[in-house]
Structure formats: structure tokens, C-alpha cells
């Protein structure tokens, strides 16, 4: 067992995060004991605009900061599907150490359970939403762990050409979302879904390329991946239809104790549970 010394700010964070043993929390494995879980700090809903209505309202807005701000405002107003408030646990073990983290069942989306639009964001806005919800973006290793844990593994469905700036358009965002919904069919939302989007991630590579975005994903059900980790191709204002924002609660359980995931990532031993790039400091990434 490895001990982590928590700083005073982390202790304050732990005091601030609410905990719950709500039945709405789903366990990814039947042999995981029931424990209290951290609650995502998602704002209560103050507006209700479904995904179709929201998509239509931004159809003529280009991939600008204006669109980022409009999407962020939806999350600030709590306009997300209700199933996205129910976390799913992912458990990883190495040697004598076991870590449990909690992830939202799908990438960020605006709307209702019946009608929602997945919304790609640049990593700066993604980090703002993550901070608002008390969350972090995944590492490459976590993105793969989440895919492995997912009970719904969709086959990646790229939009195809043209491979140009239109990939960032609202029209292609909406088109890809419709393809995903068609693939899901009549499946009731709430299970952990993966394979349908590339993940925006935190990475050691961003320490030397801090003005870029790191992406990975689009695993086929066979395990083959379309997009290996890439933090070189795009700057941090880039976002296209294929990107998804997957959020993990910042508070995790390590050997039955609560810790800030940023502290775990910096730990020489425990960091390897959720990072295949070694320990690193991710606190300032995408800020």
C-alpha cells in the first residue's frame, strides 16, 4: 500500500465534494463492494432545451468562441440529459493497490434523455466544464480502461470526406450525432457507451506542447484503434465532430481512502494505475 500526503487545498476540496450512496450510481463490476461515491457537481437544471432545438439554434454559428460560450452556458444551466447525472465506476488494480474512479456514461451532451446532442469542445472549454462539474479529463490509459469497461461498445463511424475545416462545423457535429443515435437504436440511455468518439485527454506530451490538444480513441469492438495518442497535429482551439468530452470525478478511491486524482497522477507508484506515460502534473493543462 502506498501513502499519499495530501496538501491543504486538496483536503479542502475533499471537504467541499459531496458524497452519496445513491442507488443511481452503477457499479461496473458485481464484485465491487458498495461504498459511498463522490457526487458530480453538475448544476441543477434551470432551462430545458432539447438537443434538436439546441442544434438548430447554433446551426449557423461557426466553430468560434461564440459557439463554445453558448455550449458552456447550457452546462452552466444544467441542461444535460438526466442519465448523465448517474456515474459509473471503473476499478483498476495493480499489485496491492486498487483505485476506483467514477465516469459519466457518455460524452458531454446538451438536452434531455429523449433528445440530446453530443457537443465537441476545444480543450479550454472542456476544462472549464470539468472544473464546474468537479471533474477531470481522462488520460490515454483511462480512456482505454473506460472503453474496456463499457457495456455498449459502438463501432466508430467517421463522417468521411471532406477532411477540411468543415469537420468543425455545427452541421457535421449534428450529422455525426444522428449516426450515433441510429447505431444505439432503441437502447435505453444510461449504460457506459464508448467507441463512438475520440477522447480529448490529458497527456505528458502537453507538458512540452502546452498549446495543443491531445486526442485518442475510436476503438473498434475488436480492440483495434483508429486514433493513437496525438498531441502534435492540432492547437488547443481545435475541435471537430469526432471529438468527445468524457468527464471523470476528480475524487477517487485508493485502497478505500479518498484522494484528489491530480495527486494520484503525480505519485510515482499509484500514477501508473491510470497513466501509461508515467506520473505527471496535469493541474495546469488546458488552462
Protein backbone atom coordinates (compact mmCIF):
# COMPACT_ATOMS: atom_id res chain seq x y z
CA UNK A 1 0.00 0.00 0.00
CA UNK A 2 1.30 3.45 -0.93
CA UNK A 3 0.53 6.53 1.12
CA UNK A 4 -0.13 9.94 -0.42
CA UNK A 5 0.34 13.10 1.59
CA UNK A 6 -2.47 15.50 0.77
CA UNK A 7 -1.92 19.23 0.63
CA UNK A 8 -4.26 21.60 2.48
CA UNK A 9 -6.01 22.67 -0.77
CA UNK A 10 -6.75 19.02 -1.52
CA UNK A 11 -8.15 18.49 1.97
CA UNK A 12 -10.39 21.49 1.39
CA UNK A 13 -11.53 20.00 -1.92
CA UNK A 14 -12.41 16.74 -0.22
CA UNK A 15 -14.46 18.61 2.37
CA UNK A 16 -16.24 20.51 -0.40
CA UNK A 17 -17.15 17.46 -2.51
CA UNK A 18 -20.45 15.86 -1.56
CA UNK A 19 -20.73 12.11 -1.17
CA UNK A 20 -23.67 9.82 -1.75
CA UNK A 21 -24.61 6.15 -1.62
CA UNK A 22 -27.40 6.77 -4.13
CA UNK A 23 -28.82 3.74 -5.91
CA UNK A 24 -28.44 5.70 -9.15
CA UNK A 25 -24.71 5.02 -9.06
CA UNK A 26 -23.92 1.97 -11.17
CA UNK A 27 -21.02 -0.37 -10.46
CA UNK A 28 -19.04 -1.68 -13.41
CA UNK A 29 -18.38 -4.99 -11.65
CA UNK A 30 -20.56 -7.13 -9.41
CA UNK A 31 -17.69 -7.93 -7.05
CA UNK A 32 -17.03 -4.29 -6.12
CA UNK A 33 -18.25 -3.60 -2.57
CA UNK A 34 -20.85 -0.87 -2.18
CA UNK A 35 -19.19 2.29 -0.90
CA UNK A 36 -20.06 5.96 -0.80
CA UNK A 37 -19.28 7.73 -4.05
CA UNK A 38 -18.48 11.35 -4.86
CA UNK A 39 -21.30 13.32 -6.44
CA UNK A 40 -20.63 15.24 -9.62
CA UNK A 41 -21.14 18.97 -9.02
CA UNK A 42 -23.44 19.38 -12.01
CA UNK A 43 -25.68 22.46 -11.68
CA UNK A 44 -29.39 21.89 -11.23
CA UNK A 45 -31.39 22.33 -14.42
CA UNK A 46 -32.70 25.86 -14.91
CA UNK A 47 -33.61 25.56 -18.61
CA UNK A 48 -34.86 22.75 -20.83
CA UNK A 49 -33.90 22.85 -24.49
CA UNK A 50 -33.70 19.50 -26.23
CA UNK A 51 -30.82 18.51 -28.46
CA UNK A 52 -32.63 19.14 -31.74
CA UNK A 53 -33.74 22.61 -30.67
CA UNK A 54 -30.28 23.49 -29.44
CA UNK A 55 -28.60 22.19 -32.58
CA UNK A 56 -30.95 24.25 -34.74
CA UNK A 57 -30.23 27.34 -32.64
CA UNK A 58 -26.48 27.12 -33.35
CA UNK A 59 -26.66 25.71 -36.88
CA UNK A 60 -25.37 28.94 -38.40
CA UNK A 61 -22.75 29.56 -35.70
CA UNK A 62 -19.29 28.60 -36.85
CA UNK A 63 -16.66 26.81 -34.72
CA UNK A 64 -15.83 30.04 -32.92
CA UNK A 65 -15.51 31.12 -29.31
CA UNK A 66 -19.13 32.23 -29.56
CA UNK A 67 -20.24 28.63 -30.09
CA UNK A 68 -18.02 27.49 -27.22
CA UNK A 69 -19.59 30.08 -24.92
CA UNK A 70 -23.15 29.17 -25.95
CA UNK A 71 -22.50 25.47 -25.30
CA UNK A 72 -20.81 26.20 -21.96
CA UNK A 73 -23.85 28.24 -20.92
CA UNK A 74 -26.02 25.14 -21.39
CA UNK A 75 -23.87 23.16 -18.97
CA UNK A 76 -23.81 26.07 -16.54
CA UNK A 77 -27.63 25.95 -16.64
CA UNK A 78 -27.63 22.19 -16.01
CA UNK A 79 -29.18 21.39 -19.39
CA UNK A 80 -27.89 17.84 -19.72
CA UNK A 81 -29.78 14.54 -20.03
CA UNK A 82 -30.78 13.19 -16.63
CA UNK A 83 -28.98 9.90 -17.28
CA UNK A 84 -25.74 11.89 -17.43
CA UNK A 85 -26.07 12.60 -13.71
CA UNK A 86 -25.61 8.90 -12.88
CA UNK A 87 -21.96 7.90 -12.58
CA UNK A 88 -20.45 4.53 -13.42
CA UNK A 89 -17.44 3.15 -11.58
CA UNK A 90 -14.24 1.87 -13.15
CA UNK A 91 -11.92 -0.22 -10.97
CA UNK A 92 -8.23 -0.83 -11.66
CA UNK A 93 -5.84 -2.94 -9.60
CA UNK A 94 -2.08 -3.39 -9.72
CA UNK A 95 -0.29 -5.36 -7.02
CA UNK A 96 -1.76 -4.43 -3.65
CA UNK A 97 -3.30 -1.17 -4.87
CA UNK A 98 -6.87 -0.71 -6.05
CA UNK A 99 -8.20 2.53 -7.46
CA UNK A 100 -11.84 3.30 -8.27
CA UNK A 101 -12.93 6.29 -10.29
CA UNK A 102 -16.35 7.42 -11.48
CA UNK A 103 -17.12 8.44 -15.04
CA UNK A 104 -20.18 9.88 -16.75
CA UNK A 105 -21.87 7.30 -19.01
CA UNK A 106 -21.41 9.24 -22.26
CA UNK A 107 -19.50 12.24 -23.57
CA UNK A 108 -20.87 15.69 -22.78
CA UNK A 109 -24.25 16.38 -24.35
CA UNK A 110 -26.94 19.06 -24.24
CA UNK A 111 -30.63 18.24 -23.94
CA UNK A 112 -32.94 15.61 -22.46
CA UNK A 113 -32.96 11.82 -22.18
CA UNK A 114 -35.20 11.64 -25.23
CA UNK A 115 -33.31 14.14 -27.39
CA UNK A 116 -29.69 15.14 -26.79
CA UNK A 117 -26.79 16.47 -28.82
CA UNK A 118 -23.19 15.48 -28.09
CA UNK A 119 -21.13 18.66 -28.22
CA UNK A 120 -17.44 18.66 -29.14
CA UNK A 121 -15.50 21.42 -27.40
CA UNK A 122 -12.00 22.76 -27.57
CA UNK A 123 -9.95 21.61 -24.56
CA UNK A 124 -10.01 25.03 -22.89
CA UNK A 125 -13.81 24.97 -22.70
CA UNK A 126 -13.73 21.28 -21.81
CA UNK A 127 -11.51 22.10 -18.83
CA UNK A 128 -13.94 24.86 -17.76
CA UNK A 129 -16.81 22.38 -17.76
CA UNK A 130 -14.65 19.82 -15.95
CA UNK A 131 -13.83 22.33 -13.22
CA UNK A 132 -17.50 23.33 -12.99
CA UNK A 133 -18.57 19.69 -12.51
CA UNK A 134 -15.69 18.82 -10.13
CA UNK A 135 -14.11 16.63 -12.79
CA UNK A 136 -11.03 15.93 -14.90
CA UNK A 137 -10.44 14.76 -18.44
CA UNK A 138 -9.06 11.22 -18.81
CA UNK A 139 -5.54 10.10 -19.59
CA UNK A 140 -4.93 7.79 -22.55
CA UNK A 141 -4.86 4.82 -20.18
CA UNK A 142 -8.13 5.86 -18.55
CA UNK A 143 -9.78 6.33 -21.95
CA UNK A 144 -8.86 2.74 -22.79
CA UNK A 145 -9.97 1.48 -19.37
CA UNK A 146 -13.33 3.19 -19.89
CA UNK A 147 -13.67 1.60 -23.33
CA UNK A 148 -12.83 -1.81 -21.83
CA UNK A 149 -15.42 -1.31 -19.08
CA UNK A 150 -18.15 -0.01 -21.40
CA UNK A 151 -21.16 -2.28 -21.76
CA UNK A 152 -22.06 -0.58 -25.04
CA UNK A 153 -19.14 -0.63 -27.48
CA UNK A 154 -20.10 1.10 -30.72
CA UNK A 155 -18.19 0.74 -33.97
CA UNK A 156 -16.51 4.03 -34.92
CA UNK A 157 -18.35 5.78 -37.76
CA UNK A 158 -16.29 8.59 -39.29
CA UNK A 159 -18.16 11.09 -41.44
CA UNK A 160 -15.63 10.73 -44.24
CA UNK A 161 -14.50 13.50 -46.62
CA UNK A 162 -14.04 16.35 -46.97
CA UNK A 163 -11.17 16.43 -44.48
CA UNK A 164 -11.07 20.18 -44.07
CA UNK A 165 -12.32 22.97 -41.84
CA UNK A 166 -15.92 21.81 -42.32
CA UNK A 167 -15.12 18.97 -39.90
CA UNK A 168 -15.55 21.58 -37.17
CA UNK A 169 -18.94 22.79 -38.40
CA UNK A 170 -22.13 22.50 -36.38
CA UNK A 171 -23.77 20.74 -39.33
CA UNK A 172 -21.25 17.89 -39.25
CA UNK A 173 -21.47 17.73 -35.44
CA UNK A 174 -25.22 17.18 -35.70
CA UNK A 175 -24.87 14.70 -38.58
CA UNK A 176 -22.44 12.56 -36.59
CA UNK A 177 -24.67 12.67 -33.52
CA UNK A 178 -27.56 11.32 -35.61
CA UNK A 179 -25.36 8.46 -36.82
CA UNK A 180 -24.55 7.55 -33.22
CA UNK A 181 -28.21 7.65 -32.19
CA UNK A 182 -29.08 5.38 -35.12
CA UNK A 183 -26.39 2.92 -34.01
CA UNK A 184 -27.78 2.95 -30.45
CA UNK A 185 -31.25 2.17 -31.75
CA UNK A 186 -33.81 1.62 -29.01
CA UNK A 187 -31.21 1.11 -26.28
CA UNK A 188 -32.19 2.98 -23.12
CA UNK A 189 -29.50 5.59 -22.30
CA UNK A 190 -27.51 5.28 -19.10
CA UNK A 191 -25.11 2.42 -19.78
CA UNK A 192 -21.44 3.24 -20.28
CA UNK A 193 -21.00 3.93 -24.00
CA UNK A 194 -17.65 4.05 -25.83
CA UNK A 195 -16.18 3.69 -29.30
CA UNK A 196 -18.32 6.43 -30.83
CA UNK A 197 -15.98 9.38 -30.22
CA UNK A 198 -12.30 10.17 -29.86
CA UNK A 199 -11.47 11.34 -26.34
CA UNK A 200 -9.89 14.67 -25.53
CA UNK A 201 -7.26 13.67 -22.95
CA UNK A 202 -4.52 14.95 -20.68
CA UNK A 203 -1.04 13.74 -21.57
CA UNK A 204 2.63 14.09 -20.69
CA UNK A 205 3.06 15.35 -24.24
CA UNK A 206 1.19 18.51 -23.34
CA UNK A 207 3.98 19.46 -20.94
CA UNK A 208 6.18 20.12 -23.98
CA UNK A 209 3.32 21.13 -26.30
CA UNK A 210 1.07 23.12 -23.93
CA UNK A 211 -0.75 24.99 -26.71
CA UNK A 212 -2.06 21.83 -28.37
CA UNK A 213 -4.91 19.38 -27.80
CA UNK A 214 -4.32 15.68 -27.13
CA UNK A 215 -6.76 13.12 -28.55
CA UNK A 216 -7.01 9.34 -28.61
CA UNK A 217 -9.63 6.73 -29.34
CA UNK A 218 -12.18 5.36 -31.74
CA UNK A 219 -11.61 1.76 -30.70
CA UNK A 220 -13.32 -0.90 -32.77
CA UNK A 221 -15.09 -3.65 -30.79
CA UNK A 222 -12.12 -5.87 -31.75
CA UNK A 223 -9.79 -3.56 -29.82
CA UNK A 224 -8.12 -2.03 -32.88
CA UNK A 225 -7.77 1.74 -32.61
CA UNK A 226 -8.15 4.37 -35.33
CA UNK A 227 -6.60 7.29 -33.44
CA UNK A 228 -3.45 6.64 -31.39
CA UNK A 229 -2.47 9.34 -28.93
CA UNK A 230 -1.85 12.56 -30.87
CA UNK A 231 -0.83 15.84 -29.25
CA UNK A 232 1.04 17.28 -32.24
CA UNK A 233 -1.49 17.87 -35.01
CA UNK A 234 -3.92 20.44 -33.60
CA UNK A 235 -3.77 23.53 -31.44
CA UNK A 236 -5.92 23.93 -28.34
CA UNK A 237 -8.65 25.82 -30.16
CA UNK A 238 -9.35 22.87 -32.44
CA UNK A 239 -12.42 20.65 -32.10
CA UNK A 240 -14.15 18.60 -34.78
CA UNK A 241 -17.21 16.38 -34.93
CA UNK A 242 -15.22 13.29 -33.88
CA UNK A 243 -14.14 14.69 -30.51
CA UNK A 244 -15.97 13.80 -27.30
CA UNK A 245 -15.56 15.24 -23.82
CA UNK A 246 -15.51 12.44 -21.27
CA UNK A 247 -15.53 13.55 -17.62
CA UNK A 248 -14.29 11.69 -14.54
CA UNK A 249 -14.93 12.81 -10.97
CA UNK A 250 -11.85 14.44 -9.51
CA UNK A 251 -12.19 12.48 -6.27
CA UNK A 252 -11.15 8.82 -6.47
CA UNK A 253 -10.88 5.93 -4.03
CA UNK A 254 -7.42 4.44 -3.47
CA UNK A 255 -7.35 1.40 -1.21
CA UNK A 256 -10.56 2.61 0.41
CA UNK A 257 -9.39 6.20 1.01
CA UNK A 258 -10.44 9.35 -0.86
CA UNK A 259 -7.87 11.26 -2.91
CA UNK A 260 -7.68 14.01 -5.49
CA UNK A 261 -6.89 12.38 -8.84
CA UNK A 262 -4.29 15.07 -9.58
CA UNK A 263 -2.35 13.93 -6.50
CA UNK A 264 -2.60 10.32 -7.65
CA UNK A 265 -1.30 11.22 -11.12
CA UNK A 266 1.79 12.81 -9.56
CA UNK A 267 2.52 9.78 -7.37
CA UNK A 268 5.42 7.64 -8.60
CA UNK A 269 3.66 4.36 -7.79
CA UNK A 270 -0.07 5.00 -7.95
CA UNK A 271 0.11 7.19 -11.03
CA UNK A 272 0.76 4.09 -13.11
CA UNK A 273 -2.72 2.80 -12.29
CA UNK A 274 -4.23 5.45 -14.54
CA UNK A 275 -1.32 6.65 -16.68
CA UNK A 276 0.79 4.69 -19.14
CA UNK A 277 3.05 7.72 -19.60
CA UNK A 278 4.36 7.68 -16.04
CA UNK A 279 3.45 10.15 -13.29
CA UNK A 280 2.92 13.78 -14.31
CA UNK A 281 1.40 17.06 -13.16
CA UNK A 282 -1.81 17.79 -15.09
CA UNK A 283 -3.17 20.59 -12.91
CA UNK A 284 -2.38 23.39 -15.38
CA UNK A 285 -3.25 21.58 -18.61
CA UNK A 286 -5.80 23.37 -20.81
CA UNK A 287 -5.90 26.46 -18.59
